Amino acid sequence: MSPVPTSGTPTIDVDPYTESARIDPYDVYAELRALGPVVYLSRHGLHALPRYDEVRAALMDWQTFSSARGVFVDPEVNARLGGDHALQ
C-alpha cells in the first residue's frame, strides 16, 4: 500500500530517477525545495524531504523515520544490487 499525501502536502509528478535528472538533478531539487519541507512524489507513491533541516531532523529521529523496510526506491539501483531492497 502506497502512502497517500496528507492534507496540504504539495504533490508533484516529477521523476527524479530519469536519466536527465541523474545527470543534472539540481533543477529537480530546486523545484522540490520550492514546494515545501515535505513533498509527495505521486509517480513513486512516497514523501520526499527536499530541505536540509527536515532531512537532518528525520535522520536524528530513527524511531519515527525507520529504514527497516529498505532505503532504495529506484528499481534500477535495486536491480544492480541484486536484491529486493525497495520500499513496499
C-alpha atoms as a PDB file:
ATOM      1  CA  MET A   1       0.000   0.000   0.000  1.00  0.00           C
ATOM      2  CA  SER A   2       1.469   3.329  -1.058  1.00  0.00           C
ATOM      3  CA  PRO A   3       1.375   6.220   1.374  1.00  0.00           C
ATOM      4  CA  VAL A   4      -1.059   8.974   0.485  1.00  0.00           C
ATOM      5  CA  PRO A   5      -0.331  12.675   0.750  1.00  0.00           C
ATOM      6  CA  THR A   6      -1.601  14.362   3.882  1.00  0.00           C
ATOM      7  CA  SER A   7      -3.864  17.366   3.593  1.00  0.00           C
ATOM      8  CA  GLY A   8      -1.911  20.405   2.487  1.00  0.00           C
ATOM      9  CA  THR A   9       1.150  18.446   1.351  1.00  0.00           C
ATOM     10  CA  PRO A  10       2.225  19.598  -2.114  1.00  0.00           C
ATOM     11  CA  THR A  11       2.045  16.822  -4.708  1.00  0.00           C
ATOM     12  CA  ILE A  12       4.207  16.621  -7.811  1.00  0.00           C
ATOM     13  CA  ASP A  13       4.591  14.090 -10.620  1.00  0.00           C
ATOM     14  CA  VAL A  14       8.317  14.687 -11.150  1.00  0.00           C
ATOM     15  CA  ASP A  15      10.582  11.673 -11.649  1.00  0.00           C
ATOM     16  CA  PRO A  16      13.959  12.250 -10.005  1.00  0.00           C
ATOM     17  CA  TYR A  17      15.233   8.958 -11.436  1.00  0.00           C
ATOM     18  CA  THR A  18      15.200   9.859 -15.124  1.00  0.00           C
ATOM     19  CA  GLU A  19      18.499   9.840 -16.983  1.00  0.00           C
ATOM     20  CA  SER A  20      18.473  13.639 -17.299  1.00  0.00           C
ATOM     21  CA  ALA A  21      17.721  14.090 -13.597  1.00  0.00           C
ATOM     22  CA  ARG A  22      20.557  11.730 -12.702  1.00  0.00           C
ATOM     23  CA  ILE A  23      22.991  13.722 -14.833  1.00  0.00           C
ATOM     24  CA  ASP A  24      21.858  17.160 -13.638  1.00  0.00           C
ATOM     25  CA  PRO A  25      19.484  16.882 -10.637  1.00  0.00           C
ATOM     26  CA  TYR A  26      19.707  20.478  -9.443  1.00  0.00           C
ATOM     27  CA  ASP A  27      16.626  21.836 -11.249  1.00  0.00           C
ATOM     28  CA  VAL A  28      14.534  18.976  -9.814  1.00  0.00           C
ATOM     29  CA  TYR A  29      15.969  19.576  -6.340  1.00  0.00           C
ATOM     30  CA  ALA A  30      15.203  23.309  -6.574  1.00  0.00           C
ATOM     31  CA  GLU A  31      11.644  22.581  -7.713  1.00  0.00           C
ATOM     32  CA  LEU A  32      11.077  20.218  -4.776  1.00  0.00           C
ATOM     33  CA  ARG A  33      12.583  22.636  -2.239  1.00  0.00           C
ATOM     34  CA  ALA A  34      10.376  25.456  -3.561  1.00  0.00           C
ATOM     35  CA  LEU A  35       7.242  23.380  -2.907  1.00  0.00           C
ATOM     36  CA  GLY A  36       7.854  22.972   0.810  1.00  0.00           C
ATOM     37  CA  PRO A  37       9.524  20.948   3.548  1.00  0.00           C
ATOM     38  CA  VAL A  38       7.597  17.775   2.635  1.00  0.00           C
ATOM     39  CA  VAL A  39       6.541  16.902  -0.914  1.00  0.00           C
ATOM     40  CA  TYR A  40       4.530  13.900  -2.123  1.00  0.00           C
ATOM     41  CA  LEU A  41       6.021  12.271  -5.243  1.00  0.00           C
ATOM     42  CA  SER A  42       2.885  10.804  -6.799  1.00  0.00           C
ATOM     43  CA  ARG A  43       4.739   8.876  -9.502  1.00  0.00           C
ATOM     44  CA  HIS A  44       6.531   6.837  -6.838  1.00  0.00           C
ATOM     45  CA  GLY A  45       3.937   6.982  -4.038  1.00  0.00           C
ATOM     46  CA  LEU A  46       6.291   8.430  -1.454  1.00  0.00           C
ATOM     47  CA  HIS A  47       7.044  11.552   0.508  1.00  0.00           C
ATOM     48  CA  ALA A  48      10.300  13.450  -0.009  1.00  0.00           C
ATOM     49  CA  LEU A  49      12.096  15.766   2.359  1.00  0.00           C
ATOM     50  CA  PRO A  50      13.909  18.138  -0.003  1.00  0.00           C
ATOM     51  CA  ARG A  51      15.249  20.583   2.598  1.00  0.00           C
ATOM     52  CA  TYR A  52      18.252  20.229   4.894  1.00  0.00           C
ATOM     53  CA  ASP A  53      16.542  20.954   8.221  1.00  0.00           C
ATOM     54  CA  GLU A  54      13.834  18.321   7.696  1.00  0.00           C
ATOM     55  CA  VAL A  55      16.322  15.722   6.447  1.00  0.00           C
ATOM     56  CA  ARG A  56      18.540  16.319   9.459  1.00  0.00           C
ATOM     57  CA  ALA A  57      15.588  16.086  11.865  1.00  0.00           C
ATOM     58  CA  ALA A  58      14.439  12.813  10.260  1.00  0.00           C
ATOM     59  CA  LEU A  59      17.920  11.320  10.454  1.00  0.00           C
ATOM     60  CA  MET A  60      18.103  12.202  14.143  1.00  0.00           C
ATOM     61  CA  ASP A  61      14.689  10.605  14.861  1.00  0.00           C
ATOM     62  CA  TRP A  62      15.264   6.994  13.873  1.00  0.00           C
ATOM     63  CA  GLN A  63      12.329   5.783  15.985  1.00  0.00           C
ATOM     64  CA  THR A  64       9.856   7.661  13.755  1.00  0.00           C
ATOM     65  CA  PHE A  65      11.702   7.547  10.428  1.00  0.00           C
ATOM     66  CA  SER A  66      12.826   3.928  10.204  1.00  0.00           C
ATOM     67  CA  SER A  67      14.599   2.469   7.186  1.00  0.00           C
ATOM     68  CA  ALA A  68      13.935  -1.102   8.333  1.00  0.00           C
ATOM     69  CA  ARG A  69      11.816  -1.805   5.235  1.00  0.00           C
ATOM     70  CA  GLY A  70      14.563  -0.643   2.882  1.00  0.00           C
ATOM     71  CA  VAL A  71      16.002   2.559   1.558  1.00  0.00           C
ATOM     72  CA  PHE A  72      16.064   2.186  -2.223  1.00  0.00           C
ATOM     73  CA  VAL A  73      13.118   3.457  -4.243  1.00  0.00           C
ATOM     74  CA  ASP A  74      14.950   3.331  -7.545  1.00  0.00           C
ATOM     75  CA  PRO A  75      14.286  -0.004  -9.314  1.00  0.00           C
ATOM     76  CA  GLU A  76      17.482   0.374 -11.365  1.00  0.00           C
ATOM     77  CA  VAL A  77      19.622   0.601  -8.223  1.00  0.00           C
ATOM     78  CA  ASN A  78      17.789  -2.366  -6.709  1.00  0.00           C
ATOM     79  CA  ALA A  79      18.456  -4.429  -9.835  1.00  0.00           C
ATOM     80  CA  ARG A  80      22.164  -3.568  -9.737  1.00  0.00           C
ATOM     81  CA  LEU A  81      22.333  -4.629  -6.084  1.00  0.00           C
ATOM     82  CA  GLY A  82      20.623  -7.917  -6.867  1.00  0.00           C
ATOM     83  CA  GLY A  83      18.091  -7.758  -4.081  1.00  0.00           C
ATOM     84  CA  ASP A  84      14.615  -6.608  -3.218  1.00  0.00           C
ATOM     85  CA  HIS A  85      15.504  -3.573  -1.148  1.00  0.00           C
ATOM     86  CA  ALA A  86      12.652  -1.445  -2.454  1.00  0.00           C
ATOM     87  CA  LEU A  87      10.173   0.175  -0.132  1.00  0.00           C
ATOM     88  CA  GLN A  88       6.982  -1.843  -0.091  1.00  0.00           C
END
